[in-house]
Amino acid sequence: MSDDRDADLFEAGLLLLAGTRWLRHPDGGRAPDAWAVVGEHAGTGLRAEFATEPAAARFADVMRAVPDARCWMRCRVAGIRRQYETFTVEVDSVEPLIVVGRLHGEWSRNVGLLLGDGAADEPALRMRAAAVWRSALLTAAPRVSPAGLRLRSRDRSLMRLLLRAAQVLGVPCQARTGQGTQTIHASGRGVSALLSTIRSE
């Protein structure tokens, strides 16, 4: 398997987590492990829901790295007083749990590479760092202003990964914690460097 395909599988895993993170267990509690949630629901079909069409389209695109997996994207308008669109990507596969296992495996392996648990050459590491930021920029509703770029998340593991990915890309970032969330802030040329990851698909 080519390195490009490995990177696509990693990015597909990142986007799948972003699209299923808020699914709940039958008892109503939040799942502590998003991959457990994905596995529980994969038996009835693999799907991910996004707030924007670019995020859904990117997920469908990188899922092409999975053999025998086909994707369909549909848009739904929800809300009563305030309407909004959601974009769902349905993944058709003979063995959805095998697909989840493959994405989980690549996600785990590449997170290990980025966080220093394995050796990787520089281009491969930068490719994966760009995938981390691209997936976050497409799904986490970042704010871009003259003061810089701000991205918030309640997921501490994701924030740790984003900080490391920014370091690999040579972008200085500051992290702040407050009211249960963490915020990453980049300014100056770093903003352009991070935004360029979207254009480097």
Protein backbone atom coordinates (compact mmCIF):
# COMPACT_ATOMS: atom_id res chain seq x y z
CA MET A 1 0.00 0.00 0.00
CA SER A 2 1.35 3.41 -0.91
CA ASP A 3 2.21 6.04 1.67
CA ASP A 4 -0.41 8.34 0.14
CA ARG A 5 -3.09 5.73 0.70
CA ASP A 6 -1.94 5.21 4.30
CA ALA A 7 -2.24 8.96 4.86
CA ASP A 8 -5.72 8.99 3.31
CA LEU A 9 -6.84 6.18 5.62
CA PHE A 10 -5.49 8.16 8.58
CA GLU A 11 -7.39 11.26 7.48
CA ALA A 12 -10.54 9.20 6.90
CA GLY A 13 -10.23 7.96 10.48
CA LEU A 14 -9.84 11.51 11.81
CA LEU A 15 -12.92 12.67 9.89
CA LEU A 16 -14.93 9.63 10.91
CA LEU A 17 -14.23 10.39 14.57
CA ALA A 18 -15.28 14.00 14.03
CA GLY A 19 -18.49 12.85 12.37
CA THR A 20 -19.46 10.35 15.10
CA ARG A 21 -18.06 11.87 18.28
CA TRP A 22 -21.43 12.95 19.66
CA LEU A 23 -23.26 9.66 19.22
CA ARG A 24 -24.60 8.38 22.52
CA HIS A 25 -24.69 4.95 24.12
CA PRO A 26 -28.15 3.39 24.69
CA ASP A 27 -27.96 4.41 28.37
CA GLY A 28 -27.79 8.07 27.30
CA GLY A 29 -24.23 8.66 28.46
CA ARG A 30 -21.42 9.93 26.31
CA ALA A 31 -19.01 7.36 24.94
CA PRO A 32 -15.53 7.76 26.43
CA ASP A 33 -14.04 6.09 23.36
CA ALA A 34 -15.27 7.38 20.00
CA TRP A 35 -13.95 4.27 18.24
CA ALA A 36 -16.16 2.15 20.48
CA VAL A 37 -19.14 4.21 19.34
CA VAL A 38 -18.20 3.77 15.69
CA GLY A 39 -17.88 0.01 16.15
CA GLU A 40 -21.23 -0.28 17.93
CA HIS A 41 -23.10 1.50 15.14
CA ALA A 42 -21.19 0.01 12.20
CA GLY A 43 -23.28 -3.15 12.30
CA THR A 44 -26.25 -1.23 10.88
CA GLY A 45 -24.13 0.70 8.39
CA LEU A 46 -21.19 3.07 8.54
CA ARG A 47 -22.06 6.76 8.39
CA ALA A 48 -20.68 10.13 9.42
CA GLU A 49 -22.48 13.47 9.75
CA PHE A 50 -20.89 16.86 9.19
CA ALA A 51 -21.97 20.47 9.50
CA THR A 52 -20.44 21.51 6.18
CA GLU A 53 -20.40 20.10 2.67
CA PRO A 54 -16.60 20.45 2.26
CA ALA A 55 -16.03 18.22 5.30
CA ALA A 56 -18.45 15.58 4.01
CA ALA A 57 -16.96 15.73 0.52
CA ARG A 58 -13.42 15.33 1.87
CA PHE A 59 -14.45 12.29 3.92
CA ALA A 60 -16.06 10.69 0.88
CA ASP A 61 -12.91 11.45 -1.14
CA VAL A 62 -10.39 9.90 1.26
CA MET A 63 -12.63 6.87 1.79
CA ARG A 64 -11.69 5.91 -1.77
CA ALA A 65 -8.51 4.52 -0.20
CA VAL A 66 -10.64 1.73 1.28
CA PRO A 67 -11.07 -1.13 -1.22
CA ASP A 68 -14.69 -2.01 -2.06
CA ALA A 69 -16.13 0.93 -0.08
CA ARG A 70 -18.59 3.23 -1.84
CA CYS A 71 -19.91 6.51 -0.45
CA TRP A 72 -23.10 8.49 -0.88
CA MET A 73 -23.59 12.01 0.46
CA ARG A 74 -26.97 13.49 1.30
CA CYS A 75 -28.02 16.85 2.70
CA ARG A 76 -30.76 17.30 5.29
CA VAL A 77 -32.34 20.52 6.56
CA ALA A 78 -33.11 20.38 10.28
CA GLY A 79 -34.33 22.78 12.95
CA ILE A 80 -37.60 24.64 13.50
CA ARG A 81 -36.90 28.20 14.55
CA ARG A 82 -33.41 28.19 13.16
CA GLN A 83 -32.84 25.90 10.24
CA TYR A 84 -29.46 24.43 9.42
CA GLU A 85 -28.01 21.87 7.04
CA THR A 86 -26.30 18.62 7.90
CA PHE A 87 -24.39 16.47 5.44
CA THR A 88 -24.33 12.73 5.97
CA VAL A 89 -21.98 10.35 4.20
CA GLU A 90 -23.18 6.74 4.00
CA VAL A 91 -20.48 4.15 3.42
CA ASP A 92 -21.51 0.94 1.70
CA SER A 93 -19.22 -2.02 2.35
CA VAL A 94 -19.67 -5.76 2.54
CA GLU A 95 -17.90 -5.82 5.93
CA PRO A 96 -18.29 -2.45 7.69
CA LEU A 97 -16.59 -3.67 10.87
CA ILE A 98 -13.52 -4.61 8.84
CA VAL A 99 -13.50 -1.08 7.39
CA VAL A 100 -13.72 0.38 10.90
CA GLY A 101 -10.90 -1.88 12.03
CA ARG A 102 -8.68 -0.76 9.17
CA LEU A 103 -9.36 2.94 9.83
CA HIS A 104 -8.81 2.47 13.56
CA GLY A 105 -5.53 0.67 12.91
CA GLU A 106 -4.18 3.41 10.63
CA TRP A 107 -5.36 6.11 13.02
CA SER A 108 -3.58 4.45 15.96
CA ARG A 109 -0.39 3.83 13.99
CA ASN A 110 -0.18 7.37 12.61
CA VAL A 111 -1.02 9.03 15.91
CA GLY A 112 1.89 7.03 17.32
CA LEU A 113 4.15 8.30 14.54
CA LEU A 114 3.19 11.90 15.15
CA LEU A 115 3.52 11.71 18.91
CA GLY A 116 6.93 10.10 18.71
CA ASP A 117 6.14 6.42 19.28
CA GLY A 118 7.67 5.41 15.98
CA ALA A 119 10.14 6.50 13.32
CA ALA A 120 9.04 8.30 10.16
CA ASP A 121 10.80 10.31 7.51
CA GLU A 122 10.12 14.05 7.36
CA PRO A 123 7.81 14.14 4.29
CA ALA A 124 5.61 11.37 5.70
CA LEU A 125 5.36 13.11 9.06
CA ARG A 126 4.44 16.44 7.45
CA MET A 127 1.81 14.71 5.31
CA ARG A 128 0.14 13.33 8.41
CA ALA A 129 0.46 16.60 10.31
CA ALA A 130 -1.31 18.36 7.43
CA ALA A 131 -4.07 15.74 7.54
CA VAL A 132 -4.62 16.41 11.25
CA TRP A 133 -5.03 20.13 10.70
CA ARG A 134 -7.07 19.74 7.53
CA SER A 135 -9.61 17.51 9.26
CA ALA A 136 -9.84 19.88 12.23
CA LEU A 137 -10.25 22.98 10.09
CA LEU A 138 -13.03 21.29 8.14
CA THR A 139 -14.95 20.05 11.18
CA ALA A 140 -14.18 22.17 14.26
CA ALA A 141 -15.51 25.58 13.10
CA PRO A 142 -12.28 27.60 13.50
CA ARG A 143 -12.40 31.38 13.76
CA VAL A 144 -10.13 33.36 11.49
CA SER A 145 -9.71 37.09 12.07
CA PRO A 146 -6.98 39.74 11.77
CA ALA A 147 -5.85 38.60 15.24
CA GLY A 148 -5.16 35.09 13.98
CA LEU A 149 -6.76 31.65 13.92
CA ARG A 150 -8.54 30.14 16.91
CA LEU A 151 -9.81 26.60 17.23
CA ARG A 152 -11.66 25.21 20.25
CA SER A 153 -12.30 21.63 21.34
CA ARG A 154 -13.28 19.67 24.45
CA ASP A 155 -11.17 16.75 23.25
CA ARG A 156 -7.81 16.96 25.03
CA SER A 157 -6.28 14.17 22.97
CA LEU A 158 -7.18 15.99 19.76
CA MET A 159 -5.67 19.22 21.04
CA ARG A 160 -2.46 17.41 21.93
CA LEU A 161 -2.34 15.99 18.42
CA LEU A 162 -3.01 19.41 16.87
CA LEU A 163 -0.20 21.02 18.85
CA ARG A 164 2.24 18.32 17.79
CA ALA A 165 1.08 18.55 14.15
CA ALA A 166 1.57 22.32 14.21
CA GLN A 167 5.08 21.79 15.57
CA VAL A 168 5.86 19.38 12.71
CA LEU A 169 4.57 21.97 10.23
CA GLY A 170 6.75 24.64 11.83
CA VAL A 171 3.82 26.73 13.07
CA PRO A 172 4.07 28.24 16.59
CA CYS A 173 0.79 27.85 18.49
CA GLN A 174 -0.45 28.81 21.92
CA ALA A 175 -2.87 26.65 23.90
CA ARG A 176 -5.25 27.89 26.61
CA THR A 177 -7.67 26.00 28.83
CA GLY A 178 -10.94 27.41 30.14
CA GLN A 179 -14.49 26.32 31.01
CA GLY A 180 -13.97 22.72 29.95
CA THR A 181 -12.54 23.58 26.56
CA GLN A 182 -9.09 24.14 25.13
CA THR A 183 -8.23 26.78 22.54
CA ILE A 184 -5.35 26.78 20.09
CA HIS A 185 -4.27 30.13 18.68
CA ALA A 186 -1.97 30.77 15.74
CA SER A 187 -1.05 34.15 14.29
CA GLY A 188 1.01 35.77 11.56
CA ARG A 189 2.36 33.52 8.84
CA GLY A 190 1.29 30.50 10.82
CA VAL A 191 -2.34 31.14 9.87
CA SER A 192 -1.56 30.92 6.16
CA ALA A 193 0.51 27.78 6.72
CA LEU A 194 -2.35 26.02 8.52
CA LEU A 195 -5.02 27.16 6.08
CA SER A 196 -2.86 25.94 3.20
CA THR A 197 -3.41 22.37 4.42
CA ILE A 198 -6.96 22.61 3.07
CA ARG A 199 -5.66 23.59 -0.35
CA SER A 200 -3.11 20.76 -0.35
CA GLU A 201 -5.70 17.96 -0.59
